[in-house]
PDB file of N, CA and C in Angstrom:
ATOM      1  N   MET A   1     106.982 114.233 103.070  1.00  0.00           N
ATOM      2  CA  MET A   1     106.839 113.462 101.861  1.00  0.00           C
ATOM      3  C   MET A   1     105.359 113.312 101.542  1.00  0.00           C
ATOM      4  N   ALA A   2     104.963 113.655 100.354  1.00  0.00           N
ATOM      5  CA  ALA A   2     103.572 113.525  99.928  1.00  0.00           C
ATOM      6  C   ALA A   2     103.272 112.075  99.563  1.00  0.00           C
ATOM      7  N   ILE A   3     102.070 111.646  99.907  1.00  0.00           N
ATOM      8  CA  ILE A   3     101.626 110.308  99.533  1.00  0.00           C
ATOM      9  C   ILE A   3     100.370 110.429  98.698  1.00  0.00           C
ATOM     10  N   ALA A   4     100.111 109.411  97.912  1.00  0.00           N
ATOM     11  CA  ALA A   4      98.868 109.388  97.145  1.00  0.00           C
ATOM     12  C   ALA A   4      97.746 108.967  98.078  1.00  0.00           C
ATOM     13  N   MET A   5      96.675 109.730  98.068  1.00  0.00           N
ATOM     14  CA  MET A   5      95.526 109.394  98.903  1.00  0.00           C
ATOM     15  C   MET A   5      94.602 108.475  98.117  1.00  0.00           C
ATOM     16  N   PRO A   6      94.028 107.465  98.785  1.00  0.00           N
ATOM     17  CA  PRO A   6      93.100 106.577  98.084  1.00  0.00           C
ATOM     18  C   PRO A   6      91.817 107.309  97.688  1.00  0.00           C
ATOM     19  N   SER A   7      91.280 106.944  96.545  1.00  0.00           N
ATOM     20  CA  SER A   7      90.043 107.571  96.083  1.00  0.00           C
ATOM     21  C   SER A   7      88.834 106.917  96.744  1.00  0.00           C
ATOM     22  N   VAL A   8      87.754 107.680  96.815  1.00  0.00           N
ATOM     23  CA  VAL A   8      86.469 107.166  97.281  1.00  0.00           C
ATOM     24  C   VAL A   8      85.716 106.762  96.024  1.00  0.00           C
ATOM     25  N   ARG A   9      85.599 105.471  95.795  1.00  0.00           N
ATOM     26  CA  ARG A   9      84.986 104.977  94.554  1.00  0.00           C
ATOM     27  C   ARG A   9      83.488 104.750  94.661  1.00  0.00           C
ATOM     28  N   GLY A  10      82.926 105.007  95.793  1.00  0.00           N
ATOM     29  CA  GLY A  10      81.488 104.870  95.922  1.00  0.00           C
ATOM     30  C   GLY A  10      81.033 105.244  97.312  1.00  0.00           C
ATOM     31  N   CYS A  11      79.904 105.921  97.385  1.00  0.00           N
ATOM     32  CA  CYS A  11      79.288 106.255  98.669  1.00  0.00           C
ATOM     33  C   CYS A  11      77.790 106.055  98.538  1.00  0.00           C
ATOM     34  N   GLU A  12      77.248 105.238  99.418  1.00  0.00           N
ATOM     35  CA  GLU A  12      75.814 104.945  99.390  1.00  0.00           C
ATOM     36  C   GLU A  12      75.041 105.682 100.483  1.00  0.00           C
ATOM     37  N   VAL A  13      75.658 106.657 101.140  1.00  0.00           N
ATOM     38  CA  VAL A  13      75.000 107.405 102.208  1.00  0.00           C
ATOM     39  C   VAL A  13      74.260 108.579 101.583  1.00  0.00           C
ATOM     40  N   LYS A  14      73.028 108.350 101.183  1.00  0.00           N
ATOM     41  CA  LYS A  14      72.237 109.342 100.446  1.00  0.00           C
ATOM     42  C   LYS A  14      71.870 110.564 101.280  1.00  0.00           C
ATOM     43  N   GLU A  15      71.873 110.442 102.610  1.00  0.00           N
ATOM     44  CA  GLU A  15      71.501 111.554 103.480  1.00  0.00           C
ATOM     45  C   GLU A  15      72.607 112.588 103.633  1.00  0.00           C
ATOM     46  N   CYS A  16      73.801 112.300 103.146  1.00  0.00           N
ATOM     47  CA  CYS A  16      74.939 113.198 103.324  1.00  0.00           C
ATOM     48  C   CYS A  16      74.883 114.336 102.309  1.00  0.00           C
ATOM     49  N   ALA A  17      75.132 115.558 102.768  1.00  0.00           N
ATOM     50  CA  ALA A  17      75.123 116.729 101.894  1.00  0.00           C
ATOM     51  C   ALA A  17      76.238 116.677 100.851  1.00  0.00           C
ATOM     52  N   PHE A  18      77.293 115.884 101.093  1.00  0.00           N
ATOM     53  CA  PHE A  18      78.392 115.760 100.133  1.00  0.00           C
ATOM     54  C   PHE A  18      78.140 114.682  99.083  1.00  0.00           C
ATOM     55  N   ASN A  19      77.053 113.919  99.211  1.00  0.00           N
ATOM     56  CA  ASN A  19      76.801 112.845  98.258  1.00  0.00           C
ATOM     57  C   ASN A  19      76.041 113.379  97.050  1.00  0.00           C
ATOM     58  N   ARG A  20      76.719 113.447  95.930  1.00  0.00           N
ATOM     59  CA  ARG A  20      76.132 113.854  94.644  1.00  0.00           C
ATOM     60  C   ARG A  20      76.331 112.689  93.683  1.00  0.00           C
ATOM     61  N   ASP A  21      75.616 111.628  93.909  1.00  0.00           N
ATOM     62  CA  ASP A  21      75.812 110.405  93.130  1.00  0.00           C
ATOM     63  C   ASP A  21      77.244 109.906  93.328  1.00  0.00           C
ATOM     64  N   GLY A  22      77.722 110.031  94.548  1.00  0.00           N
ATOM     65  CA  GLY A  22      79.087 109.720  94.946  1.00  0.00           C
ATOM     66  C   GLY A  22      79.616 110.852  95.804  1.00  0.00           C
ATOM     67  N   CYS A  23      80.721 110.658  96.462  1.00  0.00           N
ATOM     68  CA  CYS A  23      81.258 111.679  97.365  1.00  0.00           C
ATOM     69  C   CYS A  23      81.813 112.859  96.581  1.00  0.00           C
ATOM     70  N   ALA A  24      81.355 114.066  96.914  1.00  0.00           N
ATOM     71  CA  ALA A  24      81.793 115.284  96.245  1.00  0.00           C
ATOM     72  C   ALA A  24      82.709 116.129  97.123  1.00  0.00           C
ATOM     73  N   ALA A  25      83.104 115.598  98.286  1.00  0.00           N
ATOM     74  CA  ALA A  25      84.072 116.301  99.121  1.00  0.00           C
ATOM     75  C   ALA A  25      85.445 116.153  98.469  1.00  0.00           C
ATOM     76  N   PHE A  26      86.281 117.165  98.559  1.00  0.00           N
ATOM     77  CA  PHE A  26      87.626 117.059  98.001  1.00  0.00           C
ATOM     78  C   PHE A  26      88.423 115.986  98.732  1.00  0.00           C
ATOM     79  N   ALA A  27      88.310 115.989 100.060  1.00  0.00           N
ATOM     80  CA  ALA A  27      88.938 114.962 100.890  1.00  0.00           C
ATOM     81  C   ALA A  27      87.991 114.657 102.034  1.00  0.00           C
ATOM     82  N   MET A  28      87.873 113.383 102.384  1.00  0.00           N
ATOM     83  CA  MET A  28      87.014 112.991 103.495  1.00  0.00           C
ATOM     84  C   MET A  28      87.870 112.360 104.584  1.00  0.00           C
ATOM     85  N   THR A  29      87.325 112.369 105.801  1.00  0.00           N
ATOM     86  CA  THR A  29      87.991 111.752 106.947  1.00  0.00           C
ATOM     87  C   THR A  29      87.164 110.570 107.409  1.00  0.00           C
ATOM     88  N   MET A  30      87.815 109.444 107.572  1.00  0.00           N
ATOM     89  CA  MET A  30      87.151 108.269 108.132  1.00  0.00           C
ATOM     90  C   MET A  30      87.349 108.310 109.640  1.00  0.00           C
ATOM     91  N   GLY A  31      86.253 108.394 110.376  1.00  0.00           N
ATOM     92  CA  GLY A  31      86.301 108.458 111.827  1.00  0.00           C
ATOM     93  C   GLY A  31      86.220 107.080 112.455  1.00  0.00           C
ATOM     94  N   GLN A  32      86.254 107.035 113.762  1.00  0.00           N
ATOM     95  CA  GLN A  32      86.169 105.775 114.507  1.00  0.00           C
ATOM     96  C   GLN A  32      84.872 105.036 114.216  1.00  0.00           C
ATOM     97  N   ASP A  33      83.766 105.792 114.079  1.00  0.00           N
ATOM     98  CA  ASP A  33      82.450 105.173 113.918  1.00  0.00           C
ATOM     99  C   ASP A  33      81.850 105.338 112.532  1.00  0.00           C
ATOM    100  N   GLY A  34      82.622 105.792 111.580  1.00  0.00           N
ATOM    101  CA  GLY A  34      82.120 105.988 110.226  1.00  0.00           C
ATOM    102  C   GLY A  34      82.700 107.255 109.624  1.00  0.00           C
ATOM    103  N   CYS A  35      82.159 107.673 108.519  1.00  0.00           N
ATOM    104  CA  CYS A  35      82.664 108.847 107.821  1.00  0.00           C
ATOM    105  C   CYS A  35      82.477 110.097 108.677  1.00  0.00           C
ATOM    106  N   ALA A  36      83.582 110.730 109.045  1.00  0.00           N
ATOM    107  CA  ALA A  36      83.529 111.933 109.882  1.00  0.00           C
ATOM    108  C   ALA A  36      83.207 113.175 109.060  1.00  0.00           C
ATOM    109  N   THR A  37      83.214 113.065 107.737  1.00  0.00           N
ATOM    110  CA  THR A  37      82.861 114.178 106.863  1.00  0.00           C
ATOM    111  C   THR A  37      81.351 114.240 106.645  1.00  0.00           C
ATOM    112  N   PHE A  38      80.642 113.170 106.989  1.00  0.00           N
ATOM    113  CA  PHE A  38      79.183 113.106 106.852  1.00  0.00           C
ATOM    114  C   PHE A  38      78.531 114.286 107.546  1.00  0.00           C
ATOM    115  N   ILE A  39      77.636 114.935 106.821  1.00  0.00           N
ATOM    116  CA  ILE A  39      76.835 116.007 107.402  1.00  0.00           C
ATOM    117  C   ILE A  39      75.471 115.990 106.724  1.00  0.00           C
ATOM    118  N   GLN A  40      74.435 116.093 107.523  1.00  0.00           N
ATOM    119  CA  GLN A  40      73.074 116.054 107.001  1.00  0.00           C
ATOM    120  C   GLN A  40      72.500 117.459 107.035  1.00  0.00           C
ATOM    121  N   LEU A  41      72.431 118.077 105.858  1.00  0.00           N
ATOM    122  CA  LEU A  41      71.908 119.434 105.709  1.00  0.00           C
ATOM    123  C   LEU A  41      71.023 119.495 104.476  1.00  0.00           C
ATOM    124  N   ASP A  42      70.230 120.539 104.374  1.00  0.00           N
ATOM    125  CA  ASP A  42      69.443 120.768 103.165  1.00  0.00           C
ATOM    126  C   ASP A  42      70.312 121.336 102.043  1.00  0.00           C
ATOM    127  N   THR A  43      71.489 121.824 102.380  1.00  0.00           N
ATOM    128  CA  THR A  43      72.425 122.390 101.416  1.00  0.00           C
ATOM    129  C   THR A  43      73.246 121.281 100.772  1.00  0.00           C
ATOM    130  N   VAL A  44      73.493 121.394  99.466  1.00  0.00           N
ATOM    131  CA  VAL A  44      74.359 120.440  98.776  1.00  0.00           C
ATOM    132  C   VAL A  44      75.787 120.941  98.903  1.00  0.00           C
ATOM    133  N   GLY A  45      76.676 120.069  99.352  1.00  0.00           N
ATOM    134  CA  GLY A  45      78.067 120.462  99.548  1.00  0.00           C
ATOM    135  C   GLY A  45      78.997 119.850  98.528  1.00  0.00           C
ATOM    136  N   GLY A  46      80.243 120.239  98.604  1.00  0.00           N
ATOM    137  CA  GLY A  46      81.264 119.649  97.757  1.00  0.00           C
ATOM    138  C   GLY A  46      81.432 120.359  96.431  1.00  0.00           C
ATOM    139  N   LEU A  47      82.230 119.740  95.594  1.00  0.00           N
ATOM    140  CA  LEU A  47      82.579 120.286  94.298  1.00  0.00           C
ATOM    141  C   LEU A  47      81.776 119.612  93.196  1.00  0.00           C
ATOM    142  N   ASP A  48      81.583 120.304  92.082  1.00  0.00           N
ATOM    143  CA  ASP A  48      80.805 119.746  90.973  1.00  0.00           C
ATOM    144  C   ASP A  48      81.452 118.504  90.380  1.00  0.00           C
ATOM    145  N   LYS A  49      82.735 118.566  90.124  1.00  0.00           N
ATOM    146  CA  LYS A  49      83.451 117.431  89.536  1.00  0.00           C
ATOM    147  C   LYS A  49      84.704 117.183  90.363  1.00  0.00           C
ATOM    148  N   VAL A  50      84.697 116.083  91.078  1.00  0.00           N
ATOM    149  CA  VAL A  50      85.845 115.758  91.933  1.00  0.00           C
ATOM    150  C   VAL A  50      85.893 114.258  92.157  1.00  0.00           C
ATOM    151  N   THR A  51      87.078 113.743  92.309  1.00  0.00           N
ATOM    152  CA  THR A  51      87.243 112.376  92.783  1.00  0.00           C
ATOM    153  C   THR A  51      87.669 112.504  94.229  1.00  0.00           C
ATOM    154  N   ALA A  52      86.737 112.256  95.133  1.00  0.00           N
ATOM    155  CA  ALA A  52      87.019 112.396  96.559  1.00  0.00           C
ATOM    156  C   ALA A  52      88.143 111.455  96.967  1.00  0.00           C
ATOM    157  N   GLN A  53      88.890 111.883  97.969  1.00  0.00           N
ATOM    158  CA  GLN A  53      90.006 111.110  98.471  1.00  0.00           C
ATOM    159  C   GLN A  53      89.911 110.989  99.986  1.00  0.00           C
ATOM    160  N   VAL A  54      90.548 109.984 100.543  1.00  0.00           N
ATOM    161  CA  VAL A  54      90.587 109.827 101.994  1.00  0.00           C
ATOM    162  C   VAL A  54      91.767 110.638 102.510  1.00  0.00           C
ATOM    163  N   GLY A  55      91.473 111.725 103.198  1.00  0.00           N
ATOM    164  CA  GLY A  55      92.520 112.591 103.724  1.00  0.00           C
ATOM    165  C   GLY A  55      93.127 112.076 105.009  1.00  0.00           C
ATOM    166  N   ALA A  56      92.327 111.437 105.841  1.00  0.00           N
ATOM    167  CA  ALA A  56      92.800 110.893 107.113  1.00  0.00           C
ATOM    168  C   ALA A  56      91.891 109.754 107.531  1.00  0.00           C
ATOM    169  N   CYS A  57      92.443 108.842 108.316  1.00  0.00           N
ATOM    170  CA  CYS A  57      91.655 107.719 108.811  1.00  0.00           C
ATOM    171  C   CYS A  57      91.965 107.493 110.281  1.00  0.00           C
ATOM    172  N   GLN A  58      90.929 107.514 111.103  1.00  0.00           N
ATOM    173  CA  GLN A  58      91.080 107.316 112.542  1.00  0.00           C
ATOM    174  C   GLN A  58      90.934 105.859 112.951  1.00  0.00           C
ATOM    175  N   LYS A  59      90.714 104.953 111.993  1.00  0.00           N
ATOM    176  CA  LYS A  59      90.554 103.526 112.288  1.00  0.00           C
ATOM    177  C   LYS A  59      91.932 102.875 112.402  1.00  0.00           C
ATOM    178  N   ALA A  60      92.633 103.147 113.508  1.00  0.00           N
ATOM    179  CA  ALA A  60      94.005 102.681 113.707  1.00  0.00           C
ATOM    180  C   ALA A  60      94.116 101.164 113.736  1.00  0.00           C
ATOM    181  N   ASP A  61      93.012 100.460 113.988  1.00  0.00           N
ATOM    182  CA  ASP A  61      93.054  98.999 114.056  1.00  0.00           C
ATOM    183  C   ASP A  61      92.823  98.328 112.698  1.00  0.00           C
ATOM    184  N   CYS A  62      92.783  99.109 111.611  1.00  0.00           N
ATOM    185  CA  CYS A  62      92.573  98.563 110.272  1.00  0.00           C
ATOM    186  C   CYS A  62      93.917  98.199 109.637  1.00  0.00           C
ATOM    187  N   VAL A  63      93.955  97.099 108.897  1.00  0.00           N
ATOM    188  CA  VAL A  63      95.199  96.673 108.241  1.00  0.00           C
ATOM    189  C   VAL A  63      95.677  97.687 107.206  1.00  0.00           C
ATOM    190  N   HIS A  64      94.781  98.522 106.689  1.00  0.00           N
ATOM    191  CA  HIS A  64      95.151  99.509 105.677  1.00  0.00           C
ATOM    192  C   HIS A  64      95.654 100.814 106.283  1.00  0.00           C
ATOM    193  N   ASN A  65      95.621 100.935 107.615  1.00  0.00           N
ATOM    194  CA  ASN A  65      95.981 102.176 108.284  1.00  0.00           C
ATOM    195  C   ASN A  65      97.456 102.173 108.667  1.00  0.00           C
ATOM    196  N   SER A  66      98.149 103.233 108.285  1.00  0.00           N
ATOM    197  CA  SER A  66      99.543 103.426 108.669  1.00  0.00           C
ATOM    198  C   SER A  66      99.701 104.877 109.096  1.00  0.00           C
ATOM    199  N   ASN A  67      99.953 105.094 110.369  1.00  0.00           N
ATOM    200  CA  ASN A  67     100.112 106.449 110.906  1.00  0.00           C
ATOM    201  C   ASN A  67      98.880 107.317 110.641  1.00  0.00           C
ATOM    202  N   LEU A  68      97.705 106.716 110.761  1.00  0.00           N
ATOM    203  CA  LEU A  68      96.412 107.373 110.573  1.00  0.00           C
ATOM    204  C   LEU A  68      96.168 107.818 109.130  1.00  0.00           C
ATOM    205  N   GLU A  69      96.875 107.222 108.199  1.00  0.00           N
ATOM    206  CA  GLU A  69      96.674 107.434 106.767  1.00  0.00           C
ATOM    207  C   GLU A  69      96.221 106.115 106.156  1.00  0.00           C
ATOM    208  N   CYS A  70      95.280 106.174 105.232  1.00  0.00           N
ATOM    209  CA  CYS A  70      94.773 104.977 104.570  1.00  0.00           C
ATOM    210  C   CYS A  70      95.705 104.577 103.435  1.00  0.00           C
ATOM    211  N   LYS A  71      96.097 103.321 103.422  1.00  0.00           N
ATOM    212  CA  LYS A  71      96.984 102.792 102.377  1.00  0.00           C
ATOM    213  C   LYS A  71      96.251 101.884 101.388  1.00  0.00           C
ATOM    214  N   ALA A  72      94.927 101.779 101.502  1.00  0.00           N
ATOM    215  CA  ALA A  72      94.152 100.984 100.539  1.00  0.00           C
ATOM    216  C   ALA A  72      94.201 101.672  99.176  1.00  0.00           C
ATOM    217  N   ASP A  73      93.984 100.924  98.119  1.00  0.00           N
ATOM    218  CA  ASP A  73      93.968 101.508  96.776  1.00  0.00           C
ATOM    219  C   ASP A  73      92.778 102.445  96.589  1.00  0.00           C
ATOM    220  N   PHE A  74      91.646 102.097  97.224  1.00  0.00           N
ATOM    221  CA  PHE A  74      90.432 102.894  97.151  1.00  0.00           C
ATOM    222  C   PHE A  74      89.532 102.463  98.301  1.00  0.00           C
ATOM    223  N   VAL A  75      88.477 103.239  98.546  1.00  0.00           N
ATOM    224  CA  VAL A  75      87.498 102.876  99.568  1.00  0.00           C
ATOM    225  C   VAL A  75      86.097 103.007  98.990  1.00  0.00           C
ATOM    226  N   ARG A  76      85.172 102.294  99.607  1.00  0.00           N
ATOM    227  CA  ARG A  76      83.740 102.428  99.338  1.00  0.00           C
ATOM    228  C   ARG A  76      83.068 102.667 100.679  1.00  0.00           C
ATOM    229  N   ILE A  77      82.081 103.553 100.694  1.00  0.00           N
ATOM    230  CA  ILE A  77      81.399 103.934 101.921  1.00  0.00           C
ATOM    231  C   ILE A  77      79.944 103.495 101.832  1.00  0.00           C
ATOM    232  N   SER A  78      79.428 102.926 102.918  1.00  0.00           N
ATOM    233  CA  SER A  78      78.049 102.438 102.934  1.00  0.00           C
ATOM    234  C   SER A  78      77.532 102.443 104.368  1.00  0.00           C
ATOM    235  N   GLY A  79      76.245 102.149 104.523  1.00  0.00           N
ATOM    236  CA  GLY A  79      75.641 102.043 105.849  1.00  0.00           C
ATOM    237  C   GLY A  79      75.168 103.371 106.391  1.00  0.00           C
ATOM    238  N   ALA A  80      74.431 103.308 107.479  1.00  0.00           N
ATOM    239  CA  ALA A  80      73.830 104.503 108.079  1.00  0.00           C
ATOM    240  C   ALA A  80      74.866 105.511 108.557  1.00  0.00           C
ATOM    241  N   ASN A  81      76.005 105.040 109.070  1.00  0.00           N
ATOM    242  CA  ASN A  81      77.041 105.937 109.591  1.00  0.00           C
ATOM    243  C   ASN A  81      78.149 106.194 108.590  1.00  0.00           C
ATOM    244  N   GLY A  82      78.064 105.619 107.410  1.00  0.00           N
ATOM    245  CA  GLY A  82      79.118 105.791 106.430  1.00  0.00           C
ATOM    246  C   GLY A  82      80.323 104.925 106.733  1.00  0.00           C
ATOM    247  N   GLU A  83      80.083 103.643 106.946  1.00  0.00           N
ATOM    248  CA  GLU A  83      81.168 102.723 107.269  1.00  0.00           C
ATOM    249  C   GLU A  83      82.027 102.471 106.039  1.00  0.00           C
ATOM    250  N   CYS A  84      83.319 102.279 106.270  1.00  0.00           N
ATOM    251  CA  CYS A  84      84.240 101.950 105.189  1.00  0.00           C
ATOM    252  C   CYS A  84      84.137 100.468 104.896  1.00  0.00           C
ATOM    253  N   MET A  85      83.804 100.142 103.664  1.00  0.00           N
ATOM    254  CA  MET A  85      83.630  98.745 103.281  1.00  0.00           C
ATOM    255  C   MET A  85      84.978  98.049 103.077  1.00  0.00           C
ATOM    256  N   MET A  86      86.077  98.792 103.111  1.00  0.00           N
ATOM    257  CA  MET A  86      87.400  98.201 102.960  1.00  0.00           C
ATOM    258  C   MET A  86      88.022  97.872 104.325  1.00  0.00           C
ATOM    259  N   TYR A  87      87.354  98.251 105.408  1.00  0.00           N
ATOM    260  CA  TYR A  87      87.890  98.019 106.749  1.00  0.00           C
ATOM    261  C   TYR A  87      88.149  96.530 106.973  1.00  0.00           C
ATOM    262  N   GLU A  88      89.324  96.253 107.506  1.00  0.00           N
ATOM    263  CA  GLU A  88      89.703  94.893 107.862  1.00  0.00           C
ATOM    264  C   GLU A  88      90.545  94.979 109.134  1.00  0.00           C
ATOM    265  N   ALA A  89      90.083  94.336 110.203  1.00  0.00           N
ATOM    266  CA  ALA A  89      90.799  94.399 111.479  1.00  0.00           C
ATOM    267  C   ALA A  89      92.175  93.744 111.352  1.00  0.00           C
ATOM    268  N   ARG A  90      93.118  94.291 112.096  1.00  0.00           N
ATOM    269  CA  ARG A  90      94.483  93.702 112.132  1.00  0.00           C
ATOM    270  C   ARG A  90      94.443  92.352 112.772  1.00  0.00           C
TER     271      ARG A  90
END
């Protein structure tokens, strides 16, 4: 069964190659310690026009996590490691 993935409505991690005034990855993964899609390269990554989505979330202790899928309406990413600002412990 397909589910709607939450959109990434903002990313403040300027060092990420996928950040083009917001996340330009088609889908990102939220890891245990922050955005697992984060990569620091001189190359610009991602798509020209895209609304990034959360493809998977490893933060199993978050209230929005169900079977490693994010159920929040949207996410915002910030901080040095790309922390999810929607994270809320169970």
